[in-house]
Amino acid sequence: MAKHIGAHVSASGGICNAILNAEAIGANAFALFTRNQRSWTSKPLAADEIAAFKALLAERGFEPRFVLPHDSYLINLGCPDEENLLKSRNAFLDEMTRCDQLGLPMLNFHPGSHLNKISEEQCLDQIAEEINLALSKTVQVCAVIENTAGQGTNLGHTFAQIARIISGVNDKSRVGVCIDTCHTFAAGYDISNEMGYAFTFDEFDRLIGRQYLRAVHLNDCKKGCGSRVDRHESLGDGALGQHFFEMLMNDSRFDDIPIILEPPDPTRWPQEIQWLRSLER
């Protein structure tokens, strides 16, 4: 199978449970939180927990490159407030370190928000510097920037903004992009039809570069194109429609990277994964 599909599964009760939860829905990729996403600090991973995770991952046939940890939503690397920026910096480094320890090559994160206190350019440049700081203190993990819907003061909703962040990162081999399909549509890129789909991903290649595409968050969208509202919908039930998913499932650009579902109804994930596989020609 060229496509590696899964969902952001629960790691409640221990990170090994994420592997079992992914297996239970028929996934061959998955996302997880490696720590409590609602807290600034978490206890370090124990050596036996790390060993058990690596062993179970191999036993159940998941390759580390198709596992996409997501950092805490509290983190804002573009924060203009020094105290909260320091909290974000420390938490982000902890998340990157955990990925290193678990042998997972990527950490997915939302770039950040200027909170109307600094310019967009200052915020984007600060995010790049925070990435540089984290990369300098870790060994192998790639910092994977997720595009946003542009809600509120969140940046990263245009490909040009993401390109600016990447331009400020020193080690280009350790930065990448995760395309969230709901966010892309909500930000104003109409990927629901063939012409808009082709334009959008050509624009991605032109402004950012296909070599930076590392993952996909696959979601339908409750609101219309350009709404700037981040509301996921079950696949085929939203404004993107079924044809979009058929286009993506037959697009070789998305081979050999994790495709992660985050629709709102987890009970439908096994069926959604099966449906996506049925679309592959």
Protein backbone atom coordinates (compact mmCIF):
# COMPACT_ATOMS: atom_id res chain seq x y z
CA MET A 1 0.00 0.00 0.00
CA ALA A 2 1.47 3.31 -1.10
CA LYS A 3 -0.66 5.30 1.33
CA HIS A 4 -0.04 5.11 5.08
CA ILE A 5 -3.27 6.08 6.81
CA GLY A 6 -4.21 6.35 10.47
CA ALA A 7 -5.62 8.78 13.01
CA HIS A 8 -4.60 10.81 16.04
CA VAL A 9 -5.25 8.11 18.63
CA SER A 10 -5.38 8.24 22.40
CA ALA A 11 -2.28 7.47 24.46
CA SER A 12 -4.28 7.53 27.69
CA GLY A 13 -2.87 5.07 30.21
CA GLY A 14 0.57 5.03 28.57
CA ILE A 15 2.10 5.73 25.18
CA CYS A 16 2.09 2.02 24.21
CA ASN A 17 -1.71 2.22 24.18
CA ALA A 18 -1.49 4.54 21.17
CA ILE A 19 0.03 1.67 19.15
CA LEU A 20 -2.76 -0.72 20.18
CA ASN A 21 -5.44 1.91 19.46
CA ALA A 22 -3.98 2.51 16.00
CA GLU A 23 -3.90 -1.21 15.27
CA ALA A 24 -7.54 -1.53 16.37
CA ILE A 25 -8.76 0.90 13.68
CA GLY A 26 -6.84 -0.75 10.85
CA ALA A 27 -4.17 1.93 10.61
CA ASN A 28 -0.63 1.68 9.26
CA ALA A 29 0.26 5.16 10.53
CA PHE A 30 -0.82 7.18 13.58
CA ALA A 31 -0.41 10.35 15.59
CA LEU A 32 -0.27 10.78 19.36
CA PHE A 33 0.60 13.11 22.20
CA THR A 34 3.73 11.89 23.99
CA ARG A 35 2.78 13.87 27.12
CA ASN A 36 -0.20 15.64 28.68
CA GLN A 37 -1.12 18.28 26.08
CA ARG A 38 -2.98 20.39 28.65
CA SER A 39 0.02 20.92 30.93
CA TRP A 40 3.19 22.97 30.55
CA THR A 41 5.28 20.28 32.23
CA SER A 42 5.12 16.49 32.37
CA LYS A 43 7.18 13.84 34.08
CA PRO A 44 10.02 12.48 31.91
CA LEU A 45 9.58 9.25 30.00
CA ALA A 46 10.93 6.28 31.96
CA ALA A 47 13.58 4.07 30.36
CA ASP A 48 11.31 1.00 30.51
CA GLU A 49 8.45 2.97 28.93
CA ILE A 50 10.73 4.02 26.04
CA ALA A 51 11.97 0.44 25.54
CA ALA A 52 8.43 -0.99 25.64
CA PHE A 53 7.19 1.56 23.08
CA LYS A 54 10.00 0.79 20.63
CA ALA A 55 9.54 -2.97 21.04
CA LEU A 56 5.76 -2.86 20.57
CA LEU A 57 6.03 -0.52 17.58
CA ALA A 58 8.30 -3.03 15.84
CA GLU A 59 6.23 -6.02 16.95
CA ARG A 60 3.00 -4.57 15.54
CA GLY A 61 4.65 -3.56 12.27
CA PHE A 62 4.57 0.24 12.50
CA GLU A 63 7.53 2.10 11.02
CA PRO A 64 8.68 5.12 13.09
CA ARG A 65 8.58 7.35 9.99
CA PHE A 66 4.80 6.89 9.83
CA VAL A 67 4.27 8.01 13.44
CA LEU A 68 3.54 11.73 13.82
CA PRO A 69 3.65 13.04 17.41
CA HIS A 70 1.80 16.33 17.96
CA ASP A 71 2.97 18.90 20.49
CA SER A 72 0.84 20.62 23.13
CA TYR A 73 -1.67 23.22 21.95
CA LEU A 74 -0.42 25.50 24.74
CA ILE A 75 2.86 26.09 22.93
CA ASN A 76 3.21 29.37 20.98
CA LEU A 77 6.69 29.81 19.53
CA GLY A 78 5.65 33.20 18.15
CA CYS A 79 4.51 34.50 21.53
CA PRO A 80 5.37 38.19 22.10
CA ASP A 81 5.25 37.76 25.90
CA GLU A 82 8.63 36.76 27.32
CA GLU A 83 7.31 34.65 30.20
CA ASN A 84 4.99 32.57 28.02
CA LEU A 85 7.60 32.36 25.27
CA LEU A 86 10.01 30.80 27.77
CA LYS A 87 7.34 28.28 28.81
CA SER A 88 6.70 27.49 25.15
CA ARG A 89 10.42 27.15 24.41
CA ASN A 90 10.97 24.72 27.27
CA ALA A 91 7.87 22.67 26.48
CA PHE A 92 8.76 22.46 22.77
CA LEU A 93 12.28 21.29 23.57
CA ASP A 94 10.83 18.67 25.93
CA GLU A 95 8.52 17.44 23.15
CA MET A 96 11.40 17.26 20.65
CA THR A 97 13.53 15.41 23.21
CA ARG A 98 10.79 12.85 23.80
CA CYS A 99 10.63 12.15 20.07
CA ASP A 100 14.40 11.65 20.04
CA GLN A 101 14.14 9.24 22.98
CA LEU A 102 11.33 7.25 21.33
CA GLY A 103 13.16 7.04 18.00
CA LEU A 104 10.43 9.01 16.23
CA PRO A 105 11.78 11.26 13.46
CA MET A 106 9.15 14.04 13.46
CA LEU A 107 7.25 16.43 15.74
CA ASN A 108 4.19 18.18 14.33
CA PHE A 109 3.34 21.65 15.69
CA HIS A 110 1.27 24.76 15.03
CA PRO A 111 3.67 27.62 14.25
CA GLY A 112 2.34 30.35 16.54
CA SER A 113 0.34 33.56 17.05
CA HIS A 114 1.38 37.22 17.23
CA LEU A 115 -1.55 38.15 19.55
CA ASN A 116 -1.67 41.61 17.90
CA LYS A 117 1.44 42.63 19.86
CA ILE A 118 4.17 42.22 17.22
CA SER A 119 4.15 42.26 13.42
CA GLU A 120 3.53 39.13 11.38
CA GLU A 121 7.10 39.30 10.07
CA GLN A 122 8.59 39.54 13.57
CA CYS A 123 6.45 36.63 14.70
CA LEU A 124 7.44 34.41 11.76
CA ASP A 125 11.12 35.18 12.24
CA GLN A 126 10.87 34.45 15.96
CA ILE A 127 9.26 31.06 15.22
CA ALA A 128 12.22 30.21 12.97
CA GLU A 129 14.67 31.16 15.73
CA GLU A 130 12.83 29.01 18.26
CA ILE A 131 13.00 26.07 15.83
CA ASN A 132 16.75 26.67 15.46
CA LEU A 133 17.15 26.62 19.24
CA ALA A 134 15.28 23.32 19.59
CA LEU A 135 17.17 21.71 16.70
CA SER A 136 20.49 22.73 18.23
CA LYS A 137 19.64 20.81 21.42
CA THR A 138 18.27 17.63 19.81
CA VAL A 139 19.79 15.06 17.49
CA GLN A 140 17.51 13.85 14.69
CA VAL A 141 13.92 15.07 14.99
CA CYS A 142 12.41 17.08 12.16
CA ALA A 143 10.24 20.04 13.22
CA VAL A 144 7.09 19.69 11.09
CA ILE A 145 5.09 22.92 10.70
CA GLU A 146 1.33 22.45 10.35
CA ASN A 147 -0.49 24.99 8.20
CA THR A 148 -3.31 26.73 10.04
CA ALA A 149 -6.80 27.95 9.17
CA GLY A 150 -5.79 31.52 10.07
CA GLN A 151 -8.24 31.76 12.93
CA GLY A 152 -7.63 34.74 15.23
CA THR A 153 -3.98 35.80 15.18
CA ASN A 154 -2.61 32.38 14.19
CA LEU A 155 0.05 32.49 11.48
CA GLY A 156 1.01 29.79 9.00
CA HIS A 157 -2.23 29.99 7.01
CA THR A 158 -0.50 30.98 3.78
CA PHE A 159 2.24 29.04 2.03
CA ALA A 160 4.26 32.28 1.87
CA GLN A 161 4.24 32.54 5.68
CA ILE A 162 5.43 28.94 6.05
CA ALA A 163 8.14 29.57 3.42
CA ARG A 164 9.36 32.55 5.46
CA ILE A 165 9.68 30.40 8.58
CA ILE A 166 11.60 27.72 6.67
CA SER A 167 13.91 30.34 5.16
CA GLY A 168 15.00 31.27 8.70
CA VAL A 169 15.77 27.69 9.77
CA ASN A 170 19.47 26.87 9.61
CA ASP A 171 19.24 23.09 9.12
CA LYS A 172 16.78 22.69 6.24
CA SER A 173 17.02 18.89 6.50
CA ARG A 174 15.23 19.03 9.86
CA VAL A 175 12.22 21.17 9.01
CA GLY A 176 9.11 20.12 7.11
CA VAL A 177 5.40 20.76 6.61
CA CYS A 178 2.20 18.93 7.50
CA ILE A 179 -0.74 19.92 5.28
CA ASP A 180 -4.04 19.94 7.15
CA THR A 181 -6.74 19.71 4.50
CA CYS A 182 -9.44 21.43 6.59
CA HIS A 183 -7.06 24.28 7.48
CA THR A 184 -5.97 24.62 3.84
CA PHE A 185 -9.57 24.98 2.64
CA ALA A 186 -10.59 27.29 5.50
CA ALA A 187 -7.54 29.49 4.79
CA GLY A 188 -8.82 30.11 1.26
CA TYR A 189 -7.21 27.43 -0.92
CA ASP A 190 -10.12 25.79 -2.76
CA ILE A 191 -8.97 22.18 -2.99
CA SER A 192 -12.52 20.84 -3.43
CA ASN A 193 -12.37 20.85 -7.25
CA GLU A 194 -9.75 19.69 -9.73
CA MET A 195 -8.63 23.14 -10.86
CA GLY A 196 -8.26 24.51 -7.33
CA TYR A 197 -6.59 21.31 -6.14
CA ALA A 198 -3.98 21.48 -8.93
CA PHE A 199 -3.37 25.19 -8.35
CA THR A 200 -2.97 24.77 -4.58
CA PHE A 201 -0.41 21.99 -4.64
CA ASP A 202 1.49 23.60 -7.53
CA GLU A 203 1.59 26.73 -5.35
CA PHE A 204 2.91 24.65 -2.46
CA ASP A 205 5.66 23.28 -4.69
CA ARG A 206 6.52 26.76 -5.97
CA LEU A 207 6.54 28.67 -2.68
CA ILE A 208 7.64 26.01 -0.19
CA GLY A 209 8.96 23.05 -2.17
CA ARG A 210 7.68 19.49 -2.42
CA GLN A 211 10.74 18.18 -0.56
CA TYR A 212 9.36 19.75 2.64
CA LEU A 213 6.04 17.85 2.55
CA ARG A 214 6.30 15.37 5.43
CA ALA A 215 2.72 14.57 6.50
CA VAL A 216 -1.01 15.21 6.02
CA HIS A 217 -3.84 15.78 8.48
CA LEU A 218 -6.85 14.55 6.53
CA ASN A 219 -10.08 16.26 7.55
CA ASP A 220 -13.23 17.54 5.92
CA CYS A 221 -14.29 21.10 6.80
CA LYS A 222 -17.51 22.29 8.46
CA LYS A 223 -17.23 25.83 7.06
CA GLY A 224 -16.71 27.20 3.57
CA CYS A 225 -13.53 28.04 1.68
CA GLY A 226 -11.84 31.12 3.12
CA SER A 227 -13.92 31.06 6.33
CA ARG A 228 -10.73 31.09 8.45
CA VAL A 229 -12.65 28.88 10.92
CA ASP A 230 -10.95 25.70 12.14
CA ARG A 231 -13.77 23.14 12.42
CA HIS A 232 -13.12 19.58 11.28
CA GLU A 233 -15.88 17.42 9.80
CA SER A 234 -16.18 13.69 9.10
CA LEU A 235 -14.80 12.71 5.69
CA GLY A 236 -17.19 13.41 2.84
CA ASP A 237 -19.75 15.15 5.08
CA GLY A 238 -18.32 18.66 4.90
CA ALA A 239 -17.63 21.43 2.41
CA LEU A 240 -14.69 19.59 0.82
CA GLY A 241 -16.85 16.73 -0.40
CA GLN A 242 -16.02 13.19 -1.46
CA HIS A 243 -14.27 13.97 -4.75
CA PHE A 244 -11.45 15.77 -2.94
CA PHE A 245 -10.55 12.61 -1.03
CA GLU A 246 -10.53 10.59 -4.24
CA MET A 247 -8.10 13.09 -5.78
CA LEU A 248 -5.76 12.96 -2.80
CA MET A 249 -5.82 9.18 -2.47
CA ASN A 250 -4.66 8.89 -6.09
CA ASP A 251 -2.01 11.63 -5.89
CA SER A 252 1.51 10.16 -5.66
CA ARG A 253 2.72 13.27 -3.78
CA PHE A 254 1.10 11.76 -0.71
CA ASP A 255 2.71 8.32 -0.97
CA ASP A 256 5.10 7.23 1.78
CA ILE A 257 4.18 9.91 4.33
CA PRO A 258 1.78 9.62 7.29
CA ILE A 259 -1.83 10.58 6.45
CA ILE A 260 -3.52 11.25 9.77
CA LEU A 261 -7.28 11.53 10.30
CA GLU A 262 -8.62 13.96 12.90
CA PRO A 263 -12.38 14.04 12.14
CA PRO A 264 -14.66 14.60 15.15
CA ASP A 265 -16.22 11.10 15.40
CA PRO A 266 -13.62 8.46 16.39
CA THR A 267 -16.19 5.67 16.04
CA ARG A 268 -16.16 6.30 12.29
CA TRP A 269 -12.37 6.16 11.88
CA PRO A 270 -12.16 2.42 10.98
CA GLN A 271 -14.81 2.89 8.28
CA GLU A 272 -13.22 6.13 7.06
CA ILE A 273 -9.84 4.39 6.70
CA GLN A 274 -11.48 1.52 4.78
CA TRP A 275 -13.33 4.00 2.56
CA LEU A 276 -10.13 5.90 1.76
CA ARG A 277 -8.39 2.65 0.80
CA SER A 278 -11.31 1.79 -1.49
CA LEU A 279 -10.67 5.02 -3.41
CA GLU A 280 -7.12 4.03 -4.39
CA ARG A 281 -7.01 2.98 -8.03
